Amino acid sequence: MARPAHQPDSFLLRQVEAMAAYGVPEEKIARVLGIDPKTLRKHYRDELDTGQIKANSKVAESLYRKATGEGPQSVTAAIFWLKTRALWKETMVSEVTHDTSDSVKALMERIAKDGCSLIRPPLLLGEVYSTSGTVGRP
């Protein structure tokens, strides 16, 4: 005897959308509902597609409000926002320069002798190294 056809209701629609928003894989959602993943996709395509988008939007809205607000969380939220959305980075750039005609052995000997004097300090925002190794602004 064949199984009865799956009939989505408003509770199941909300449940599928919530699980999709939380990042639960489709196979696991189907298992919770007791249906095949193909049946899940057939009846709940919109909820699967929009659940994560709605969740991300809600979290982004909350983060944005914190980042543009006042209080101790605002600085942390603003830094996180800028790192992820504005591609800001906290990096230390260390460069060792040498004449390409030097051998690796000669370079290593110079590094051993001169140590950190061959390593450039990190640049501040807007600064660049010139070809002579000096720091300036473009």
N, C-alpha and C. Protein backbone atom coordinates (compact mmCIF):
# COMPACT_ATOMS: atom_id res chain seq x y z
N MET A 1 0.84 -1.18 0.00
CA MET A 1 0.00 0.00 0.00
C MET A 1 0.89 1.25 0.00
N ALA A 2 0.57 2.22 -0.81
CA ALA A 2 1.37 3.44 -0.97
C ALA A 2 1.14 4.39 0.21
N ARG A 3 2.17 5.16 0.48
CA ARG A 3 2.06 6.17 1.54
C ARG A 3 1.11 7.27 1.08
N PRO A 4 0.41 7.90 2.01
CA PRO A 4 -0.44 9.03 1.62
C PRO A 4 0.43 10.20 1.16
N ALA A 5 -0.09 11.01 0.27
CA ALA A 5 0.64 12.17 -0.24
C ALA A 5 0.92 13.14 0.90
N HIS A 6 2.10 13.74 0.86
CA HIS A 6 2.47 14.70 1.90
C HIS A 6 1.66 15.98 1.72
N GLN A 7 1.12 16.48 2.81
CA GLN A 7 0.33 17.71 2.79
C GLN A 7 0.96 18.73 3.74
N PRO A 8 1.66 19.74 3.21
CA PRO A 8 2.24 20.76 4.09
C PRO A 8 1.13 21.59 4.75
N ASP A 9 1.37 21.99 5.98
CA ASP A 9 0.46 22.92 6.64
C ASP A 9 1.29 24.11 7.15
N SER A 10 0.63 25.09 7.73
CA SER A 10 1.32 26.31 8.14
C SER A 10 2.39 26.04 9.20
N PHE A 11 2.15 25.09 10.09
CA PHE A 11 3.15 24.74 11.11
C PHE A 11 4.41 24.18 10.45
N LEU A 12 4.21 23.24 9.52
CA LEU A 12 5.37 22.63 8.84
C LEU A 12 6.12 23.65 7.99
N LEU A 13 5.40 24.56 7.35
CA LEU A 13 6.05 25.60 6.55
C LEU A 13 6.98 26.44 7.43
N ARG A 14 6.49 26.85 8.62
CA ARG A 14 7.32 27.65 9.53
C ARG A 14 8.49 26.83 10.08
N GLN A 15 8.22 25.54 10.36
CA GLN A 15 9.28 24.68 10.90
C GLN A 15 10.40 24.48 9.88
N VAL A 16 10.04 24.24 8.63
CA VAL A 16 11.06 24.05 7.59
C VAL A 16 11.84 25.35 7.38
N GLU A 17 11.15 26.48 7.34
CA GLU A 17 11.84 27.75 7.15
C GLU A 17 12.80 28.02 8.31
N ALA A 18 12.38 27.73 9.53
CA ALA A 18 13.25 27.93 10.70
C ALA A 18 14.48 27.03 10.63
N MET A 19 14.28 25.75 10.32
CA MET A 19 15.42 24.83 10.26
C MET A 19 16.39 25.24 9.14
N ALA A 20 15.85 25.68 8.00
CA ALA A 20 16.71 26.16 6.91
C ALA A 20 17.47 27.41 7.36
N ALA A 21 16.80 28.28 8.13
CA ALA A 21 17.45 29.50 8.63
C ALA A 21 18.60 29.17 9.57
N TYR A 22 18.44 28.10 10.36
CA TYR A 22 19.49 27.71 11.31
C TYR A 22 20.61 26.95 10.63
N GLY A 23 20.48 26.65 9.35
CA GLY A 23 21.54 25.96 8.62
C GLY A 23 21.44 24.46 8.66
N VAL A 24 20.30 23.91 9.04
CA VAL A 24 20.13 22.46 9.07
C VAL A 24 20.09 21.95 7.62
N PRO A 25 20.90 20.95 7.27
CA PRO A 25 20.91 20.43 5.90
C PRO A 25 19.55 19.85 5.50
N GLU A 26 19.25 19.93 4.21
CA GLU A 26 17.97 19.47 3.69
C GLU A 26 17.69 18.01 4.05
N GLU A 27 18.70 17.15 3.99
CA GLU A 27 18.50 15.73 4.30
C GLU A 27 18.01 15.55 5.73
N LYS A 28 18.55 16.36 6.64
CA LYS A 28 18.15 16.26 8.05
C LYS A 28 16.76 16.83 8.27
N ILE A 29 16.43 17.91 7.58
CA ILE A 29 15.08 18.47 7.68
C ILE A 29 14.07 17.43 7.20
N ALA A 30 14.36 16.80 6.07
CA ALA A 30 13.47 15.77 5.52
C ALA A 30 13.29 14.64 6.53
N ARG A 31 14.36 14.27 7.19
CA ARG A 31 14.28 13.17 8.17
C ARG A 31 13.38 13.56 9.35
N VAL A 32 13.52 14.79 9.82
CA VAL A 32 12.67 15.25 10.92
C VAL A 32 11.19 15.19 10.52
N LEU A 33 10.91 15.57 9.27
CA LEU A 33 9.53 15.56 8.80
C LEU A 33 9.05 14.17 8.39
N GLY A 34 9.99 13.24 8.27
CA GLY A 34 9.63 11.88 7.87
C GLY A 34 9.29 11.77 6.40
N ILE A 35 9.95 12.58 5.59
CA ILE A 35 9.70 12.54 4.14
C ILE A 35 11.03 12.43 3.41
N ASP A 36 10.96 12.12 2.14
CA ASP A 36 12.13 12.03 1.28
C ASP A 36 12.64 13.44 0.97
N PRO A 37 13.96 13.63 0.81
CA PRO A 37 14.48 14.96 0.45
C PRO A 37 13.85 15.53 -0.83
N LYS A 38 13.53 14.67 -1.79
CA LYS A 38 12.88 15.16 -3.02
C LYS A 38 11.50 15.73 -2.71
N THR A 39 10.77 15.07 -1.81
CA THR A 39 9.45 15.57 -1.40
C THR A 39 9.59 16.90 -0.66
N LEU A 40 10.62 17.00 0.17
CA LEU A 40 10.90 18.25 0.88
C LEU A 40 11.10 19.38 -0.11
N ARG A 41 11.96 19.16 -1.10
CA ARG A 41 12.24 20.20 -2.10
C ARG A 41 11.00 20.54 -2.93
N LYS A 42 10.19 19.55 -3.20
CA LYS A 42 8.98 19.76 -4.01
C LYS A 42 7.98 20.66 -3.28
N HIS A 43 7.76 20.42 -1.99
CA HIS A 43 6.73 21.14 -1.25
C HIS A 43 7.22 22.36 -0.49
N TYR A 44 8.52 22.45 -0.26
CA TYR A 44 9.04 23.52 0.61
C TYR A 44 10.17 24.31 -0.05
N ARG A 45 10.19 24.37 -1.37
CA ARG A 45 11.27 25.05 -2.09
C ARG A 45 11.46 26.48 -1.61
N ASP A 46 10.38 27.23 -1.50
CA ASP A 46 10.47 28.64 -1.11
C ASP A 46 11.03 28.78 0.30
N GLU A 47 10.58 27.97 1.23
CA GLU A 47 11.07 28.03 2.62
C GLU A 47 12.54 27.67 2.70
N LEU A 48 12.96 26.68 1.93
CA LEU A 48 14.37 26.29 1.91
C LEU A 48 15.24 27.40 1.34
N ASP A 49 14.75 28.07 0.30
CA ASP A 49 15.53 29.12 -0.36
C ASP A 49 15.59 30.42 0.44
N THR A 50 14.50 30.74 1.14
CA THR A 50 14.45 32.05 1.81
C THR A 50 14.74 32.02 3.30
N GLY A 51 14.71 30.85 3.92
CA GLY A 51 14.93 30.77 5.36
C GLY A 51 16.26 31.36 5.79
N GLN A 52 17.33 30.96 5.12
CA GLN A 52 18.66 31.45 5.49
C GLN A 52 18.80 32.94 5.17
N ILE A 53 18.21 33.37 4.07
CA ILE A 53 18.28 34.79 3.70
C ILE A 53 17.61 35.65 4.76
N LYS A 54 16.44 35.22 5.21
CA LYS A 54 15.71 35.98 6.24
C LYS A 54 16.49 36.00 7.55
N ALA A 55 17.09 34.87 7.93
CA ALA A 55 17.87 34.82 9.17
C ALA A 55 19.08 35.72 9.07
N ASN A 56 19.81 35.66 7.96
CA ASN A 56 21.00 36.51 7.78
C ASN A 56 20.62 37.98 7.82
N SER A 57 19.48 38.32 7.22
CA SER A 57 19.03 39.71 7.23
C SER A 57 18.71 40.18 8.63
N LYS A 58 18.08 39.34 9.41
CA LYS A 58 17.72 39.71 10.78
C LYS A 58 18.97 39.90 11.64
N VAL A 59 19.94 38.99 11.50
CA VAL A 59 21.19 39.12 12.25
C VAL A 59 21.96 40.36 11.80
N ALA A 60 22.00 40.60 10.49
CA ALA A 60 22.70 41.77 9.97
C ALA A 60 22.05 43.05 10.49
N GLU A 61 20.73 43.08 10.55
CA GLU A 61 20.03 44.26 11.08
C GLU A 61 20.40 44.49 12.54
N SER A 62 20.42 43.43 13.33
CA SER A 62 20.78 43.54 14.73
C SER A 62 22.22 44.02 14.89
N LEU A 63 23.13 43.44 14.13
CA LEU A 63 24.53 43.84 14.18
C LEU A 63 24.69 45.30 13.76
N TYR A 64 23.99 45.69 12.71
CA TYR A 64 24.08 47.07 12.23
C TYR A 64 23.61 48.05 13.30
N ARG A 65 22.51 47.71 13.97
CA ARG A 65 22.00 48.58 15.03
C ARG A 65 23.01 48.70 16.17
N LYS A 66 23.64 47.59 16.52
CA LYS A 66 24.65 47.62 17.58
C LYS A 66 25.86 48.43 17.12
N ALA A 67 26.31 48.22 15.88
CA ALA A 67 27.51 48.89 15.37
C ALA A 67 27.33 50.40 15.26
N THR A 68 26.11 50.84 15.01
CA THR A 68 25.87 52.27 14.86
C THR A 68 25.27 52.89 16.11
N GLY A 69 25.19 52.10 17.19
CA GLY A 69 24.62 52.59 18.44
C GLY A 69 25.68 53.02 19.43
N GLU A 70 25.29 53.04 20.66
CA GLU A 70 26.18 53.43 21.76
C GLU A 70 26.38 52.24 22.67
N GLY A 71 27.40 52.32 23.50
CA GLY A 71 27.61 51.29 24.49
C GLY A 71 28.79 50.40 24.17
N PRO A 72 29.12 49.50 25.09
CA PRO A 72 30.32 48.68 24.95
C PRO A 72 30.28 47.72 23.76
N GLN A 73 29.10 47.30 23.35
CA GLN A 73 29.02 46.37 22.22
C GLN A 73 29.21 47.07 20.88
N SER A 74 29.04 48.37 20.83
CA SER A 74 29.08 49.07 19.55
C SER A 74 30.45 49.01 18.88
N VAL A 75 31.51 49.10 19.66
CA VAL A 75 32.86 49.07 19.08
C VAL A 75 33.14 47.68 18.49
N THR A 76 32.84 46.65 19.25
CA THR A 76 33.06 45.29 18.77
C THR A 76 32.24 45.01 17.52
N ALA A 77 30.98 45.41 17.55
CA ALA A 77 30.10 45.19 16.39
C ALA A 77 30.60 45.96 15.18
N ALA A 78 31.05 47.19 15.39
CA ALA A 78 31.55 48.00 14.27
C ALA A 78 32.81 47.39 13.67
N ILE A 79 33.71 46.93 14.51
CA ILE A 79 34.94 46.29 14.01
C ILE A 79 34.60 45.04 13.22
N PHE A 80 33.71 44.21 13.75
CA PHE A 80 33.32 42.99 13.04
C PHE A 80 32.68 43.34 11.70
N TRP A 81 31.80 44.32 11.70
CA TRP A 81 31.12 44.74 10.46
C TRP A 81 32.16 45.19 9.42
N LEU A 82 33.09 46.02 9.85
CA LEU A 82 34.09 46.54 8.91
C LEU A 82 35.01 45.44 8.39
N LYS A 83 35.36 44.49 9.24
CA LYS A 83 36.22 43.40 8.79
C LYS A 83 35.50 42.51 7.77
N THR A 84 34.23 42.26 8.00
CA THR A 84 33.51 41.34 7.11
C THR A 84 32.89 42.03 5.91
N ARG A 85 32.41 43.24 6.07
CA ARG A 85 31.71 43.92 4.99
C ARG A 85 32.60 44.90 4.22
N ALA A 86 33.51 45.57 4.92
CA ALA A 86 34.37 46.55 4.27
C ALA A 86 35.77 45.99 4.01
N LEU A 87 35.95 44.72 4.33
CA LEU A 87 37.21 43.99 4.09
C LEU A 87 38.41 44.61 4.80
N TRP A 88 38.17 45.21 5.96
CA TRP A 88 39.28 45.69 6.77
C TRP A 88 40.04 44.51 7.32
N LYS A 89 41.34 44.70 7.54
CA LYS A 89 42.16 43.62 8.07
C LYS A 89 43.09 44.15 9.14
N GLU A 90 43.42 43.28 10.07
CA GLU A 90 44.47 43.56 11.04
C GLU A 90 45.63 42.66 10.65
N THR A 91 46.59 43.23 9.97
CA THR A 91 47.71 42.41 9.52
C THR A 91 49.03 43.07 9.88
N MET A 92 49.99 42.25 10.10
CA MET A 92 51.36 42.71 10.27
C MET A 92 52.09 42.26 9.01
N VAL A 93 52.65 43.21 8.30
CA VAL A 93 53.38 42.87 7.09
C VAL A 93 54.87 43.01 7.38
N SER A 94 55.58 41.92 7.25
CA SER A 94 57.02 41.93 7.41
C SER A 94 57.63 41.56 6.07
N GLU A 95 58.51 42.42 5.60
CA GLU A 95 59.14 42.16 4.31
C GLU A 95 60.65 42.15 4.47
N VAL A 96 61.28 41.22 3.80
CA VAL A 96 62.73 41.18 3.75
C VAL A 96 63.11 41.50 2.32
N THR A 97 63.94 42.51 2.15
CA THR A 97 64.37 42.89 0.80
C THR A 97 65.81 42.46 0.60
N HIS A 98 66.09 42.09 -0.62
CA HIS A 98 67.48 41.74 -0.97
C HIS A 98 67.66 41.89 -2.46
N ASP A 99 68.89 42.05 -2.84
CA ASP A 99 69.25 42.14 -4.25
C ASP A 99 69.11 40.74 -4.83
N THR A 100 68.40 40.63 -5.94
CA THR A 100 68.17 39.31 -6.53
C THR A 100 69.46 38.66 -7.02
N SER A 101 70.51 39.45 -7.14
CA SER A 101 71.78 38.84 -7.56
C SER A 101 72.48 38.16 -6.38
N ASP A 102 72.03 38.48 -5.14
CA ASP A 102 72.59 37.83 -3.96
C ASP A 102 72.14 36.37 -3.91
N SER A 103 73.00 35.54 -3.40
CA SER A 103 72.61 34.15 -3.20
C SER A 103 71.76 34.05 -1.94
N VAL A 104 71.06 32.97 -1.81
CA VAL A 104 70.26 32.74 -0.60
C VAL A 104 71.18 32.70 0.61
N LYS A 105 72.34 32.08 0.45
CA LYS A 105 73.29 32.00 1.56
C LYS A 105 73.70 33.39 2.01
N ALA A 106 74.00 34.28 1.04
CA ALA A 106 74.40 35.64 1.39
C ALA A 106 73.25 36.38 2.07
N LEU A 107 72.03 36.16 1.60
CA LEU A 107 70.86 36.78 2.21
C LEU A 107 70.72 36.31 3.66
N MET A 108 70.82 35.02 3.89
CA MET A 108 70.69 34.47 5.24
C MET A 108 71.78 35.01 6.15
N GLU A 109 73.00 35.15 5.64
CA GLU A 109 74.09 35.70 6.43
C GLU A 109 73.81 37.16 6.80
N ARG A 110 73.26 37.94 5.86
CA ARG A 110 72.92 39.33 6.15
C ARG A 110 71.81 39.41 7.20
N ILE A 111 70.82 38.53 7.09
CA ILE A 111 69.73 38.52 8.07
C ILE A 111 70.29 38.17 9.45
N ALA A 112 71.17 37.17 9.50
CA ALA A 112 71.76 36.77 10.78
C ALA A 112 72.58 37.91 11.37
N LYS A 113 73.29 38.63 10.53
CA LYS A 113 74.14 39.72 10.99
C LYS A 113 73.32 40.96 11.38
N ASP A 114 72.38 41.36 10.50
CA ASP A 114 71.65 42.61 10.70
C ASP A 114 70.32 42.42 11.44
N GLY A 115 69.83 41.21 11.50
CA GLY A 115 68.59 40.93 12.22
C GLY A 115 67.41 41.69 11.68
N CYS A 116 66.71 42.35 12.58
CA CYS A 116 65.45 43.01 12.24
C CYS A 116 65.63 44.25 11.38
N SER A 117 66.83 44.72 11.17
CA SER A 117 66.98 45.92 10.36
C SER A 117 66.56 45.69 8.92
N LEU A 118 66.48 44.41 8.52
CA LEU A 118 66.03 44.10 7.16
C LEU A 118 64.51 43.95 7.08
N ILE A 119 63.84 43.91 8.21
CA ILE A 119 62.40 43.70 8.21
C ILE A 119 61.73 45.06 8.34
N ARG A 120 60.83 45.33 7.41
CA ARG A 120 60.14 46.61 7.40
C ARG A 120 59.04 46.61 8.47
N PRO A 121 58.87 47.74 9.14
CA PRO A 121 57.76 47.85 10.11
C PRO A 121 56.42 47.90 9.38
N PRO A 122 55.32 47.58 10.07
CA PRO A 122 54.01 47.63 9.41
C PRO A 122 53.67 49.06 9.00
N LEU A 123 52.96 49.20 7.90
CA LEU A 123 52.55 50.50 7.41
C LEU A 123 51.29 50.97 8.11
N LEU A 124 51.15 52.27 8.26
CA LEU A 124 49.92 52.86 8.74
C LEU A 124 49.00 53.06 7.55
N LEU A 125 47.70 53.25 7.80
CA LEU A 125 46.73 53.43 6.75
C LEU A 125 47.15 54.58 5.84
N GLY A 126 47.24 54.31 4.56
CA GLY A 126 47.58 55.33 3.58
C GLY A 126 49.05 55.44 3.28
N GLU A 127 49.92 54.76 4.03
CA GLU A 127 51.35 54.83 3.77
C GLU A 127 51.77 53.76 2.77
N VAL A 128 52.81 54.03 2.05
CA VAL A 128 53.36 53.06 1.09
C VAL A 128 54.88 53.10 1.18
N TYR A 129 55.50 51.98 0.81
CA TYR A 129 56.95 51.95 0.71
C TYR A 129 57.34 52.40 -0.70
N SER A 130 58.36 53.25 -0.77
CA SER A 130 58.89 53.64 -2.07
C SER A 130 59.88 52.57 -2.51
N THR A 131 60.33 52.67 -3.75
CA THR A 131 61.30 51.69 -4.25
C THR A 131 62.60 51.74 -3.47
N SER A 132 62.88 52.86 -2.82
CA SER A 132 64.11 52.96 -2.03
C SER A 132 63.92 52.43 -0.62
N GLY A 133 62.68 52.05 -0.28
CA GLY A 133 62.43 51.48 1.04
C GLY A 133 61.95 52.48 2.06
N THR A 134 61.80 53.77 1.66
CA THR A 134 61.33 54.76 2.62
C THR A 134 59.80 54.77 2.63
N VAL A 135 59.26 55.25 3.74
CA VAL A 135 57.80 55.29 3.89
C VAL A 135 57.31 56.68 3.52
N GLY A 136 56.22 56.72 2.78
CA GLY A 136 55.61 58.01 2.42
C GLY A 136 54.14 57.84 2.14
N ARG A 137 53.52 58.91 1.74
CA ARG A 137 52.11 58.88 1.37
C ARG A 137 52.00 59.13 -0.14
N PRO A 138 51.09 58.40 -0.79
CA PRO A 138 50.96 58.58 -2.25
C PRO A 138 50.44 59.94 -2.62
